[in-house]
Amino acid sequence: MLQWLSRVLCLALAMIGLAAIARAELPVLRVAALEGGTVTWELDTIRHYGLDRAEGFVLEVMPVAGNPAAQVALQGGTADAIVSDWLWVARLRAEGRDFRFLPYSRAVGGLMVRDGGAVQRLADLKGRRIGIAGGPLDKSWLILRAYAAREGLDLAAQTEQVYGAPPLIAQAALSGEVDAALNFWHFGAKMQAAGMHPLVTVADAAQALGLDPQTPLLGYVLPGALVAQQPDLVAGIARASRAAKARLATDDAAFARLRGLMHAGSEAEYSALVAGYRAGIPAPGPVDVAAAGRMLQLMAELGGPDMVGPVQALPPDLFLAP
């Protein structure tokens, strides 16, 4: 009996050792993400439920202080992937740097105004102050400018713009320091929970301009060499991302465990953040290249070379299949 137990124990230890070796040999994908940002919700979900290991890789999250730091990490080879917008990737490809785009989210914000305030329509913005998270070349701002021009309003010339970090813009809007605010979608969700509403959403403005609001603006940016040399790894992160979104789209408990990462100050904020994330999940299927090309053309017309750099047309093979 002792000899039999010894053999069983040795076999069990051997199996545990083999499993540990197999886990150690899984490729690692290092994703640089803003600490406390919305991208961490999906990354944390992938890791918590083992969606990475189920797809044959180990996800490693590298916290960074902001988007510029993430871009430096990606281009310097410290990170294997980041989440950014495809217009930036198109610019890199036009400059001869090989990066690819895997769709992540189509969530965009809107121009937020106070409930019951003086601004009830676009024309009411004349002579007023608009807070903008970003700079003059913010993509959502350019889309709203083009939309307002159709209504006979030159937002750049007929309003005063105040640029700043998202939390500061949100605070300025809630305090009345600015009369309207264009912010990232998750700050917009919090502002809506605090008594504001979208005068016009970027998605509605884009659709009115003939753009496709289903076009995902944000995605995982991956080096072309990684895509070519490790296609199974890239396919794995695509499947893990879809699986995480599918869970977060329907499983309230999966979102509840993320509440500490979401920094929701109230139940209303939490509900708005959940709804906003779910609304931004891209539809299945490949990116509509023609629709993306129309968006690129509009960005080039409004932002010029400062916006799109040397890009003349949508670079080939920019988008990876989600």
C-alpha atoms as a PDB file:
ATOM      1  CA  MET A   1       0.000   0.000   0.000  1.00  0.00           C
ATOM      2  CA  LEU A   2       2.780   2.439   0.876  1.00  0.00           C
ATOM      3  CA  GLN A   3       4.541   1.656  -2.382  1.00  0.00           C
ATOM      4  CA  TRP A   4       1.295   2.273  -4.308  1.00  0.00           C
ATOM      5  CA  LEU A   5       0.693   5.574  -2.493  1.00  0.00           C
ATOM      6  CA  SER A   6       4.260   6.605  -3.226  1.00  0.00           C
ATOM      7  CA  ARG A   7       3.765   5.960  -6.919  1.00  0.00           C
ATOM      8  CA  VAL A   8       0.475   7.919  -6.969  1.00  0.00           C
ATOM      9  CA  LEU A   9       2.132  10.847  -5.180  1.00  0.00           C
ATOM     10  CA  CYS A  10       5.076  10.853  -7.588  1.00  0.00           C
ATOM     11  CA  LEU A  11       2.686  10.778 -10.534  1.00  0.00           C
ATOM     12  CA  ALA A  12       0.661  13.657  -9.118  1.00  0.00           C
ATOM     13  CA  LEU A  13       3.775  15.735  -8.489  1.00  0.00           C
ATOM     14  CA  ALA A  14       5.005  14.992 -11.999  1.00  0.00           C
ATOM     15  CA  MET A  15       1.699  16.143 -13.473  1.00  0.00           C
ATOM     16  CA  ILE A  16       1.775  19.326 -11.397  1.00  0.00           C
ATOM     17  CA  GLY A  17       5.339  19.946 -12.554  1.00  0.00           C
ATOM     18  CA  LEU A  18       4.424  19.416 -16.195  1.00  0.00           C
ATOM     19  CA  ALA A  19       1.463  21.755 -15.839  1.00  0.00           C
ATOM     20  CA  ALA A  20       3.687  24.407 -14.272  1.00  0.00           C
ATOM     21  CA  ILE A  21       6.178  24.063 -17.112  1.00  0.00           C
ATOM     22  CA  ALA A  22       3.394  24.341 -19.655  1.00  0.00           C
ATOM     23  CA  ARG A  23       2.129  27.525 -17.976  1.00  0.00           C
ATOM     24  CA  ALA A  24       5.616  28.957 -17.831  1.00  0.00           C
ATOM     25  CA  GLU A  25       6.059  28.370 -21.550  1.00  0.00           C
ATOM     26  CA  LEU A  26       2.958  30.327 -22.517  1.00  0.00           C
ATOM     27  CA  PRO A  27       3.837  33.507 -24.437  1.00  0.00           C
ATOM     28  CA  VAL A  28       3.372  36.756 -22.532  1.00  0.00           C
ATOM     29  CA  LEU A  29       1.544  39.731 -23.996  1.00  0.00           C
ATOM     30  CA  ARG A  30       2.459  42.988 -22.248  1.00  0.00           C
ATOM     31  CA  VAL A  31      -0.254  45.646 -22.517  1.00  0.00           C
ATOM     32  CA  ALA A  32       0.516  49.165 -21.289  1.00  0.00           C
ATOM     33  CA  ALA A  33      -2.643  50.835 -19.979  1.00  0.00           C
ATOM     34  CA  LEU A  34      -3.517  53.955 -18.033  1.00  0.00           C
ATOM     35  CA  GLU A  35      -3.689  53.064 -14.366  1.00  0.00           C
ATOM     36  CA  GLY A  36      -7.323  53.330 -13.299  1.00  0.00           C
ATOM     37  CA  GLY A  37      -8.504  53.814 -16.895  1.00  0.00           C
ATOM     38  CA  THR A  38     -11.472  52.098 -18.504  1.00  0.00           C
ATOM     39  CA  VAL A  39      -9.213  49.744 -20.486  1.00  0.00           C
ATOM     40  CA  THR A  40      -8.241  48.073 -17.214  1.00  0.00           C
ATOM     41  CA  TRP A  41     -11.836  46.876 -16.821  1.00  0.00           C
ATOM     42  CA  GLU A  42     -11.477  44.551 -19.783  1.00  0.00           C
ATOM     43  CA  LEU A  43      -7.896  43.576 -19.009  1.00  0.00           C
ATOM     44  CA  ASP A  44      -8.799  42.719 -15.420  1.00  0.00           C
ATOM     45  CA  THR A  45     -11.750  40.659 -16.650  1.00  0.00           C
ATOM     46  CA  ILE A  46      -9.507  38.717 -19.031  1.00  0.00           C
ATOM     47  CA  ARG A  47      -7.051  37.894 -16.274  1.00  0.00           C
ATOM     48  CA  HIS A  48      -9.604  37.168 -13.539  1.00  0.00           C
ATOM     49  CA  TYR A  49     -11.531  34.626 -15.599  1.00  0.00           C
ATOM     50  CA  GLY A  50      -8.417  33.096 -17.169  1.00  0.00           C
ATOM     51  CA  LEU A  51      -9.474  34.098 -20.667  1.00  0.00           C
ATOM     52  CA  ASP A  52      -5.845  34.702 -21.607  1.00  0.00           C
ATOM     53  CA  ARG A  53      -4.602  31.276 -20.536  1.00  0.00           C
ATOM     54  CA  ALA A  54      -7.600  29.652 -22.200  1.00  0.00           C
ATOM     55  CA  GLU A  55      -6.315  31.204 -25.433  1.00  0.00           C
ATOM     56  CA  GLY A  56      -2.726  30.102 -24.857  1.00  0.00           C
ATOM     57  CA  PHE A  57      -1.040  33.251 -23.559  1.00  0.00           C
ATOM     58  CA  VAL A  58      -0.455  35.187 -20.348  1.00  0.00           C
ATOM     59  CA  LEU A  59      -1.665  38.789 -20.193  1.00  0.00           C
ATOM     60  CA  GLU A  60       0.636  41.153 -18.321  1.00  0.00           C
ATOM     61  CA  VAL A  61      -0.669  44.658 -17.577  1.00  0.00           C
ATOM     62  CA  MET A  62       1.843  47.507 -17.385  1.00  0.00           C
ATOM     63  CA  PRO A  63       0.384  50.590 -15.624  1.00  0.00           C
ATOM     64  CA  VAL A  64       1.363  53.918 -17.221  1.00  0.00           C
ATOM     65  CA  ALA A  65       0.626  57.526 -16.315  1.00  0.00           C
ATOM     66  CA  GLY A  66      -0.978  58.532 -19.615  1.00  0.00           C
ATOM     67  CA  ASN A  67      -1.384  57.930 -23.329  1.00  0.00           C
ATOM     68  CA  PRO A  68       1.975  59.505 -24.281  1.00  0.00           C
ATOM     69  CA  ALA A  69       3.772  57.148 -21.901  1.00  0.00           C
ATOM     70  CA  ALA A  70       1.901  54.193 -23.400  1.00  0.00           C
ATOM     71  CA  GLN A  71       2.880  55.239 -26.917  1.00  0.00           C
ATOM     72  CA  VAL A  72       6.526  55.531 -25.898  1.00  0.00           C
ATOM     73  CA  ALA A  73       6.400  52.071 -24.302  1.00  0.00           C
ATOM     74  CA  LEU A  74       4.920  50.541 -27.461  1.00  0.00           C
ATOM     75  CA  GLN A  75       7.309  52.206 -29.897  1.00  0.00           C
ATOM     76  CA  GLY A  76      10.282  51.470 -27.646  1.00  0.00           C
ATOM     77  CA  GLY A  77       9.408  47.790 -27.379  1.00  0.00           C
ATOM     78  CA  THR A  78       8.729  47.818 -23.644  1.00  0.00           C
ATOM     79  CA  ALA A  79       5.079  46.989 -24.297  1.00  0.00           C
ATOM     80  CA  ASP A  80       3.598  44.646 -26.895  1.00  0.00           C
ATOM     81  CA  ALA A  81       0.302  46.490 -27.161  1.00  0.00           C
ATOM     82  CA  ILE A  82      -1.588  49.579 -26.041  1.00  0.00           C
ATOM     83  CA  VAL A  83      -5.086  50.917 -26.659  1.00  0.00           C
ATOM     84  CA  SER A  84      -5.203  54.003 -28.865  1.00  0.00           C
ATOM     85  CA  ASP A  85      -7.149  55.340 -31.844  1.00  0.00           C
ATOM     86  CA  TRP A  86      -6.710  54.061 -35.396  1.00  0.00           C
ATOM     87  CA  LEU A  87      -6.048  57.542 -36.794  1.00  0.00           C
ATOM     88  CA  TRP A  88      -2.785  57.567 -34.849  1.00  0.00           C
ATOM     89  CA  VAL A  89      -1.960  54.116 -36.198  1.00  0.00           C
ATOM     90  CA  ALA A  90      -2.722  55.264 -39.750  1.00  0.00           C
ATOM     91  CA  ARG A  91      -0.292  58.147 -39.255  1.00  0.00           C
ATOM     92  CA  LEU A  92       2.417  55.789 -38.009  1.00  0.00           C
ATOM     93  CA  ARG A  93       1.950  53.512 -41.009  1.00  0.00           C
ATOM     94  CA  ALA A  94       2.126  56.468 -43.375  1.00  0.00           C
ATOM     95  CA  GLU A  95       5.438  57.382 -41.741  1.00  0.00           C
ATOM     96  CA  GLY A  96       6.778  53.903 -42.455  1.00  0.00           C
ATOM     97  CA  ARG A  97       6.275  52.406 -38.997  1.00  0.00           C
ATOM     98  CA  ASP A  98       4.499  49.075 -39.046  1.00  0.00           C
ATOM     99  CA  PHE A  99       1.674  48.851 -36.518  1.00  0.00           C
ATOM    100  CA  ARG A 100      -1.773  47.268 -36.757  1.00  0.00           C
ATOM    101  CA  PHE A 101      -5.142  47.990 -35.157  1.00  0.00           C
ATOM    102  CA  LEU A 102      -7.453  45.484 -33.444  1.00  0.00           C
ATOM    103  CA  PRO A 103     -10.878  47.049 -32.628  1.00  0.00           C
ATOM    104  CA  TYR A 104     -11.632  47.560 -28.943  1.00  0.00           C
ATOM    105  CA  SER A 105     -14.411  50.152 -28.514  1.00  0.00           C
ATOM    106  CA  ARG A 106     -16.565  52.626 -30.393  1.00  0.00           C
ATOM    107  CA  ALA A 107     -17.529  54.566 -27.252  1.00  0.00           C
ATOM    108  CA  VAL A 108     -17.401  58.326 -27.768  1.00  0.00           C
ATOM    109  CA  GLY A 109     -18.625  61.195 -25.689  1.00  0.00           C
ATOM    110  CA  GLY A 110     -20.909  64.113 -26.366  1.00  0.00           C
ATOM    111  CA  LEU A 111     -21.297  67.823 -25.814  1.00  0.00           C
ATOM    112  CA  MET A 112     -22.709  67.972 -22.285  1.00  0.00           C
ATOM    113  CA  VAL A 113     -24.855  70.816 -20.911  1.00  0.00           C
ATOM    114  CA  ARG A 114     -26.636  71.294 -17.594  1.00  0.00           C
ATOM    115  CA  ASP A 115     -30.211  70.129 -17.184  1.00  0.00           C
ATOM    116  CA  GLY A 116     -32.520  73.155 -17.310  1.00  0.00           C
ATOM    117  CA  GLY A 117     -29.633  75.445 -18.243  1.00  0.00           C
ATOM    118  CA  ALA A 118     -29.470  78.300 -20.738  1.00  0.00           C
ATOM    119  CA  VAL A 119     -28.083  76.126 -23.531  1.00  0.00           C
ATOM    120  CA  GLN A 120     -30.938  74.189 -25.104  1.00  0.00           C
ATOM    121  CA  ARG A 121     -29.741  74.055 -28.726  1.00  0.00           C
ATOM    122  CA  LEU A 122     -26.548  74.580 -30.687  1.00  0.00           C
ATOM    123  CA  ALA A 123     -27.348  78.215 -31.480  1.00  0.00           C
ATOM    124  CA  ASP A 124     -27.413  78.966 -27.747  1.00  0.00           C
ATOM    125  CA  LEU A 125     -23.657  78.308 -27.632  1.00  0.00           C
ATOM    126  CA  LYS A 126     -22.809  81.566 -29.412  1.00  0.00           C
ATOM    127  CA  GLY A 127     -20.564  83.663 -27.200  1.00  0.00           C
ATOM    128  CA  ARG A 128     -20.348  80.977 -24.532  1.00  0.00           C
ATOM    129  CA  ARG A 129     -17.489  78.886 -23.137  1.00  0.00           C
ATOM    130  CA  ILE A 130     -16.950  75.255 -24.116  1.00  0.00           C
ATOM    131  CA  GLY A 131     -14.642  73.017 -22.112  1.00  0.00           C
ATOM    132  CA  ILE A 132     -12.789  70.428 -24.192  1.00  0.00           C
ATOM    133  CA  ALA A 133     -10.837  67.480 -22.828  1.00  0.00           C
ATOM    134  CA  GLY A 134      -7.838  67.467 -25.113  1.00  0.00           C
ATOM    135  CA  GLY A 135      -6.662  70.078 -27.550  1.00  0.00           C
ATOM    136  CA  PRO A 136      -7.861  71.897 -30.675  1.00  0.00           C
ATOM    137  CA  LEU A 137      -7.260  68.731 -32.722  1.00  0.00           C
ATOM    138  CA  ASP A 138      -9.381  66.475 -30.519  1.00  0.00           C
ATOM    139  CA  LYS A 139     -11.231  64.171 -32.916  1.00  0.00           C
ATOM    140  CA  SER A 140     -14.617  64.545 -31.275  1.00  0.00           C
ATOM    141  CA  TRP A 141     -14.231  68.327 -31.306  1.00  0.00           C
ATOM    142  CA  LEU A 142     -13.499  68.295 -35.039  1.00  0.00           C
ATOM    143  CA  ILE A 143     -16.573  66.169 -35.724  1.00  0.00           C
ATOM    144  CA  LEU A 144     -18.767  68.499 -33.663  1.00  0.00           C
ATOM    145  CA  ARG A 145     -17.335  71.526 -35.455  1.00  0.00           C
ATOM    146  CA  ALA A 146     -18.224  70.015 -38.813  1.00  0.00           C
ATOM    147  CA  TYR A 147     -21.704  69.129 -37.567  1.00  0.00           C
ATOM    148  CA  ALA A 148     -22.332  72.623 -36.169  1.00  0.00           C
ATOM    149  CA  ALA A 149     -21.161  74.196 -39.441  1.00  0.00           C
ATOM    150  CA  ARG A 150     -24.065  72.454 -41.157  1.00  0.00           C
ATOM    151  CA  GLU A 151     -26.319  74.313 -38.719  1.00  0.00           C
ATOM    152  CA  GLY A 152     -24.652  77.615 -39.562  1.00  0.00           C
ATOM    153  CA  LEU A 153     -22.549  77.801 -36.409  1.00  0.00           C
ATOM    154  CA  ASP A 154     -18.767  78.186 -36.404  1.00  0.00           C
ATOM    155  CA  LEU A 155     -17.928  76.716 -33.018  1.00  0.00           C
ATOM    156  CA  ALA A 156     -14.255  77.653 -33.226  1.00  0.00           C
ATOM    157  CA  ALA A 157     -14.939  81.324 -34.032  1.00  0.00           C
ATOM    158  CA  GLN A 158     -18.219  81.919 -32.189  1.00  0.00           C
ATOM    159  CA  THR A 159     -17.391  80.301 -28.849  1.00  0.00           C
ATOM    160  CA  GLU A 160     -14.529  80.457 -26.382  1.00  0.00           C
ATOM    161  CA  GLN A 161     -12.751  77.145 -25.944  1.00  0.00           C
ATOM    162  CA  VAL A 162     -11.170  76.033 -22.681  1.00  0.00           C
ATOM    163  CA  TYR A 163      -8.872  73.003 -22.942  1.00  0.00           C
ATOM    164  CA  GLY A 164      -7.875  70.811 -20.055  1.00  0.00           C
ATOM    165  CA  ALA A 165      -7.595  67.371 -18.520  1.00  0.00           C
ATOM    166  CA  PRO A 166     -10.850  65.364 -18.354  1.00  0.00           C
ATOM    167  CA  PRO A 167     -11.377  65.685 -14.569  1.00  0.00           C
ATOM    168  CA  LEU A 168     -10.852  69.454 -14.703  1.00  0.00           C
ATOM    169  CA  ILE A 169     -13.236  69.869 -17.623  1.00  0.00           C
ATOM    170  CA  ALA A 170     -15.881  67.818 -15.819  1.00  0.00           C
ATOM    171  CA  GLN A 171     -15.490  69.940 -12.680  1.00  0.00           C
ATOM    172  CA  ALA A 172     -15.661  73.171 -14.688  1.00  0.00           C
ATOM    173  CA  ALA A 173     -18.873  72.022 -16.358  1.00  0.00           C
ATOM    174  CA  LEU A 174     -20.551  70.996 -13.114  1.00  0.00           C
ATOM    175  CA  SER A 175     -19.576  74.247 -11.394  1.00  0.00           C
ATOM    176  CA  GLY A 176     -20.778  76.433 -14.262  1.00  0.00           C
ATOM    177  CA  GLU A 177     -17.316  77.697 -15.140  1.00  0.00           C
ATOM    178  CA  VAL A 178     -18.006  76.563 -18.708  1.00  0.00           C
ATOM    179  CA  ASP A 179     -21.414  76.442 -20.384  1.00  0.00           C
ATOM    180  CA  ALA A 180     -20.865  73.125 -22.187  1.00  0.00           C
ATOM    181  CA  ALA A 181     -18.230  70.420 -22.098  1.00  0.00           C
ATOM    182  CA  LEU A 182     -16.891  67.819 -24.487  1.00  0.00           C
ATOM    183  CA  ASN A 183     -15.318  65.008 -22.508  1.00  0.00           C
ATOM    184  CA  PHE A 184     -14.360  61.360 -22.782  1.00  0.00           C
ATOM    185  CA  TRP A 185     -17.341  59.021 -22.597  1.00  0.00           C
ATOM    186  CA  HIS A 186     -16.785  57.818 -19.026  1.00  0.00           C
ATOM    187  CA  PHE A 187     -16.503  61.351 -17.683  1.00  0.00           C
ATOM    188  CA  GLY A 188     -19.610  62.192 -19.698  1.00  0.00           C
ATOM    189  CA  ALA A 189     -21.406  59.324 -17.978  1.00  0.00           C
ATOM    190  CA  LYS A 190     -20.460  60.705 -14.579  1.00  0.00           C
ATOM    191  CA  MET A 191     -21.518  64.218 -15.623  1.00  0.00           C
ATOM    192  CA  GLN A 192     -24.875  62.884 -16.780  1.00  0.00           C
ATOM    193  CA  ALA A 193     -25.391  61.188 -13.434  1.00  0.00           C
ATOM    194  CA  ALA A 194     -24.681  64.557 -11.772  1.00  0.00           C
ATOM    195  CA  GLY A 195     -27.370  66.503 -13.636  1.00  0.00           C
ATOM    196  CA  MET A 196     -26.136  67.072 -17.187  1.00  0.00           C
ATOM    197  CA  HIS A 197     -27.214  65.698 -20.557  1.00  0.00           C
ATOM    198  CA  PRO A 198     -25.774  65.544 -24.072  1.00  0.00           C
ATOM    199  CA  LEU A 199     -26.826  68.433 -26.276  1.00  0.00           C
ATOM    200  CA  VAL A 200     -25.516  66.328 -29.149  1.00  0.00           C
ATOM    201  CA  THR A 201     -23.532  63.111 -29.046  1.00  0.00           C
ATOM    202  CA  VAL A 202     -20.468  62.610 -31.180  1.00  0.00           C
ATOM    203  CA  ALA A 203     -22.079  59.463 -32.600  1.00  0.00           C
ATOM    204  CA  ASP A 204     -25.158  61.398 -33.744  1.00  0.00           C
ATOM    205  CA  ALA A 205     -22.996  64.175 -35.183  1.00  0.00           C
ATOM    206  CA  ALA A 206     -20.877  61.622 -37.054  1.00  0.00           C
ATOM    207  CA  GLN A 207     -23.950  59.934 -38.494  1.00  0.00           C
ATOM    208  CA  ALA A 208     -25.354  63.282 -39.649  1.00  0.00           C
ATOM    209  CA  LEU A 209     -22.072  63.893 -41.487  1.00  0.00           C
ATOM    210  CA  GLY A 210     -22.402  60.605 -43.347  1.00  0.00           C
ATOM    211  CA  LEU A 211     -19.943  58.757 -41.143  1.00  0.00           C
ATOM    212  CA  ASP A 212     -20.627  55.357 -39.636  1.00  0.00           C
ATOM    213  CA  PRO A 213     -21.007  55.598 -35.834  1.00  0.00           C
ATOM    214  CA  GLN A 214     -20.309  51.860 -35.693  1.00  0.00           C
ATOM    215  CA  THR A 215     -16.697  52.452 -36.741  1.00  0.00           C
ATOM    216  CA  PRO A 216     -14.595  51.649 -33.640  1.00  0.00           C
ATOM    217  CA  LEU A 217     -12.242  54.519 -32.913  1.00  0.00           C
ATOM    218  CA  LEU A 218     -10.220  52.770 -30.201  1.00  0.00           C
ATOM    219  CA  GLY A 219      -8.363  49.496 -30.456  1.00  0.00           C
ATOM    220  CA  TYR A 220      -5.367  47.447 -29.415  1.00  0.00           C
ATOM    221  CA  VAL A 221      -2.307  48.680 -31.293  1.00  0.00           C
ATOM    222  CA  LEU A 222       0.148  45.884 -32.073  1.00  0.00           C
ATOM    223  CA  PRO A 223       3.525  45.880 -33.846  1.00  0.00           C
ATOM    224  CA  GLY A 224       3.365  44.457 -37.358  1.00  0.00           C
ATOM    225  CA  ALA A 225       6.261  42.141 -36.550  1.00  0.00           C
ATOM    226  CA  LEU A 226       4.283  40.598 -33.695  1.00  0.00           C
ATOM    227  CA  VAL A 227       1.288  40.086 -35.965  1.00  0.00           C
ATOM    228  CA  ALA A 228       3.462  38.378 -38.584  1.00  0.00           C
ATOM    229  CA  GLN A 229       5.592  36.283 -36.247  1.00  0.00           C
ATOM    230  CA  GLN A 230       3.002  35.274 -33.633  1.00  0.00           C
ATOM    231  CA  PRO A 231      -0.390  35.136 -35.378  1.00  0.00           C
ATOM    232  CA  ASP A 232      -1.753  32.670 -32.817  1.00  0.00           C
ATOM    233  CA  LEU A 233      -0.983  35.108 -30.002  1.00  0.00           C
ATOM    234  CA  VAL A 234      -2.719  37.953 -31.832  1.00  0.00           C
ATOM    235  CA  ALA A 235      -5.733  35.766 -32.587  1.00  0.00           C
ATOM    236  CA  GLY A 236      -5.749  34.783 -28.916  1.00  0.00           C
ATOM    237  CA  ILE A 237      -5.958  38.347 -27.620  1.00  0.00           C
ATOM    238  CA  ALA A 238      -8.741  39.045 -30.137  1.00  0.00           C
ATOM    239  CA  ARG A 239     -10.759  36.088 -28.863  1.00  0.00           C
ATOM    240  CA  ALA A 240     -10.024  36.890 -25.208  1.00  0.00           C
ATOM    241  CA  SER A 241     -11.138  40.486 -25.758  1.00  0.00           C
ATOM    242  CA  ARG A 242     -14.388  39.330 -27.377  1.00  0.00           C
ATOM    243  CA  ALA A 243     -15.001  36.863 -24.547  1.00  0.00           C
ATOM    244  CA  ALA A 244     -14.457  39.564 -21.913  1.00  0.00           C
ATOM    245  CA  LYS A 245     -16.844  41.930 -23.689  1.00  0.00           C
ATOM    246  CA  ALA A 246     -19.456  39.205 -24.028  1.00  0.00           C
ATOM    247  CA  ARG A 247     -19.287  38.592 -20.282  1.00  0.00           C
ATOM    248  CA  LEU A 248     -19.379  42.277 -19.346  1.00  0.00           C
ATOM    249  CA  ALA A 249     -22.269  42.873 -21.767  1.00  0.00           C
ATOM    250  CA  THR A 250     -24.601  40.501 -19.957  1.00  0.00           C
ATOM    251  CA  ASP A 251     -23.180  39.533 -16.564  1.00  0.00           C
ATOM    252  CA  ASP A 252     -23.926  42.146 -13.902  1.00  0.00           C
ATOM    253  CA  ALA A 253     -21.802  40.252 -11.389  1.00  0.00           C
ATOM    254  CA  ALA A 254     -18.780  40.556 -13.681  1.00  0.00           C
ATOM    255  CA  PHE A 255     -19.183  44.324 -13.578  1.00  0.00           C
ATOM    256  CA  ALA A 256     -19.892  44.380  -9.851  1.00  0.00           C
ATOM    257  CA  ARG A 257     -16.470  42.898  -9.090  1.00  0.00           C
ATOM    258  CA  LEU A 258     -14.907  45.794 -11.070  1.00  0.00           C
ATOM    259  CA  ARG A 259     -16.615  48.480  -9.034  1.00  0.00           C
ATOM    260  CA  GLY A 260     -13.452  49.342  -7.131  1.00  0.00           C
ATOM    261  CA  LEU A 261     -11.677  50.042 -10.428  1.00  0.00           C
ATOM    262  CA  MET A 262     -14.498  52.185 -11.782  1.00  0.00           C
ATOM    263  CA  HIS A 263     -14.301  54.979  -9.181  1.00  0.00           C
ATOM    264  CA  ALA A 264     -18.065  55.497  -9.265  1.00  0.00           C
ATOM    265  CA  GLY A 265     -19.108  58.053  -6.677  1.00  0.00           C
ATOM    266  CA  SER A 266     -22.741  56.960  -6.598  1.00  0.00           C
ATOM    267  CA  GLU A 267     -25.105  54.271  -7.790  1.00  0.00           C
ATOM    268  CA  ALA A 268     -26.190  56.580 -10.620  1.00  0.00           C
ATOM    269  CA  GLU A 269     -22.571  56.995 -11.757  1.00  0.00           C
ATOM    270  CA  TYR A 270     -21.980  53.262 -11.612  1.00  0.00           C
ATOM    271  CA  SER A 271     -25.089  52.526 -13.692  1.00  0.00           C
ATOM    272  CA  ALA A 272     -24.131  55.184 -16.238  1.00  0.00           C
ATOM    273  CA  LEU A 273     -20.617  53.765 -16.573  1.00  0.00           C
ATOM    274  CA  VAL A 274     -21.921  50.233 -17.092  1.00  0.00           C
ATOM    275  CA  ALA A 275     -24.414  51.426 -19.705  1.00  0.00           C
ATOM    276  CA  GLY A 276     -21.775  53.519 -21.478  1.00  0.00           C
ATOM    277  CA  TYR A 277     -19.295  50.664 -21.690  1.00  0.00           C
ATOM    278  CA  ARG A 278     -21.907  48.265 -23.013  1.00  0.00           C
ATOM    279  CA  ALA A 279     -23.108  50.774 -25.614  1.00  0.00           C
ATOM    280  CA  GLY A 280     -19.538  51.114 -26.881  1.00  0.00           C
ATOM    281  CA  ILE A 281     -18.957  47.413 -27.589  1.00  0.00           C
ATOM    282  CA  PRO A 282     -18.281  47.141 -31.345  1.00  0.00           C
ATOM    283  CA  ALA A 283     -20.548  45.036 -33.493  1.00  0.00           C
ATOM    284  CA  PRO A 284     -19.038  41.733 -34.662  1.00  0.00           C
ATOM    285  CA  GLY A 285     -17.358  41.619 -38.038  1.00  0.00           C
ATOM    286  CA  PRO A 286     -14.592  43.500 -39.834  1.00  0.00           C
ATOM    287  CA  VAL A 287     -14.240  47.273 -39.822  1.00  0.00           C
ATOM    288  CA  ASP A 288     -15.983  49.031 -42.711  1.00  0.00           C
ATOM    289  CA  VAL A 289     -12.914  50.307 -44.550  1.00  0.00           C
ATOM    290  CA  ALA A 290     -14.921  52.700 -46.723  1.00  0.00           C
ATOM    291  CA  ALA A 291     -16.507  54.301 -43.641  1.00  0.00           C
ATOM    292  CA  ALA A 292     -13.109  54.625 -41.979  1.00  0.00           C
ATOM    293  CA  GLY A 293     -11.789  56.260 -45.135  1.00  0.00           C
ATOM    294  CA  ARG A 294     -14.549  58.879 -44.996  1.00  0.00           C
ATOM    295  CA  MET A 295     -13.687  59.656 -41.380  1.00  0.00           C
ATOM    296  CA  LEU A 296     -10.009  59.975 -42.265  1.00  0.00           C
ATOM    297  CA  GLN A 297     -10.860  62.391 -45.069  1.00  0.00           C
ATOM    298  CA  LEU A 298     -12.924  64.560 -42.717  1.00  0.00           C
ATOM    299  CA  MET A 299     -10.137  64.612 -40.127  1.00  0.00           C
ATOM    300  CA  ALA A 300      -7.657  65.614 -42.834  1.00  0.00           C
ATOM    301  CA  GLU A 301      -9.921  68.418 -44.049  1.00  0.00           C
ATOM    302  CA  LEU A 302     -10.470  69.857 -40.573  1.00  0.00           C
ATOM    303  CA  GLY A 303      -7.180  69.075 -38.848  1.00  0.00           C
ATOM    304  CA  GLY A 304      -4.741  69.114 -41.761  1.00  0.00           C
ATOM    305  CA  PRO A 305      -1.209  67.707 -41.469  1.00  0.00           C
ATOM    306  CA  ASP A 306      -1.110  68.499 -37.748  1.00  0.00           C
ATOM    307  CA  MET A 307      -3.879  65.951 -37.346  1.00  0.00           C
ATOM    308  CA  VAL A 308      -3.095  63.183 -39.808  1.00  0.00           C
ATOM    309  CA  GLY A 309       0.543  63.848 -40.718  1.00  0.00           C
ATOM    310  CA  PRO A 310       1.543  62.511 -44.140  1.00  0.00           C
ATOM    311  CA  VAL A 311      -1.534  60.292 -44.502  1.00  0.00           C
ATOM    312  CA  GLN A 312      -3.089  60.738 -47.954  1.00  0.00           C
ATOM    313  CA  ALA A 313      -5.397  57.732 -47.871  1.00  0.00           C
ATOM    314  CA  LEU A 314      -6.279  54.888 -45.559  1.00  0.00           C
ATOM    315  CA  PRO A 315      -3.183  52.655 -45.348  1.00  0.00           C
ATOM    316  CA  PRO A 316      -3.742  49.048 -46.463  1.00  0.00           C
ATOM    317  CA  ASP A 317      -3.944  46.259 -43.887  1.00  0.00           C
ATOM    318  CA  LEU A 318      -4.508  48.771 -41.084  1.00  0.00           C
ATOM    319  CA  PHE A 319      -7.304  46.825 -39.402  1.00  0.00           C
ATOM    320  CA  LEU A 320      -7.097  43.354 -37.968  1.00  0.00           C
ATOM    321  CA  ALA A 321     -10.174  41.159 -37.818  1.00  0.00           C
ATOM    322  CA  PRO A 322     -11.794  41.506 -34.369  1.00  0.00           C
END
